Amino acid sequence: MSDIQNNDASVEPATPSVTQNDSPTGEETLGAPRPDGDTSSAAKDPEDWVTGDEPMTGPQKSYLDTLAREAGEELPATLTKAEASEHIDRLQKVTGRGQ
């Protein structure tokens, strides 16, 4: 997996960062800085996800395996999507990935 910040491992589709900006057309754009300064890609707290209690996805499992190995940790293979996302966020900080 690449060092993409939780994008490949995201489970609940994040609401795009649609921002009105100073573009020549004044149209909304994706990926522009948010007016509130928030730089996270998650639109909701994992605990609030509708599908958060479903089993983690294949990409999450693969990325967590990589992160856990690098951090020297073992995690259960039965995590939910929300739990996996929280571990990914934590382990990215521990390993320096996703920065």
Foldseek 3Di string as FASTA:
>chain_A
DALAQCPLQQDAQADFQWDQDPPPVSHTDGPDQHPVRDPDRHNDQLVPGPQQQAFGDPSLLVLLVVLCVQLVHDDDNRHGSNVSSVSSVVSCVSNVGND
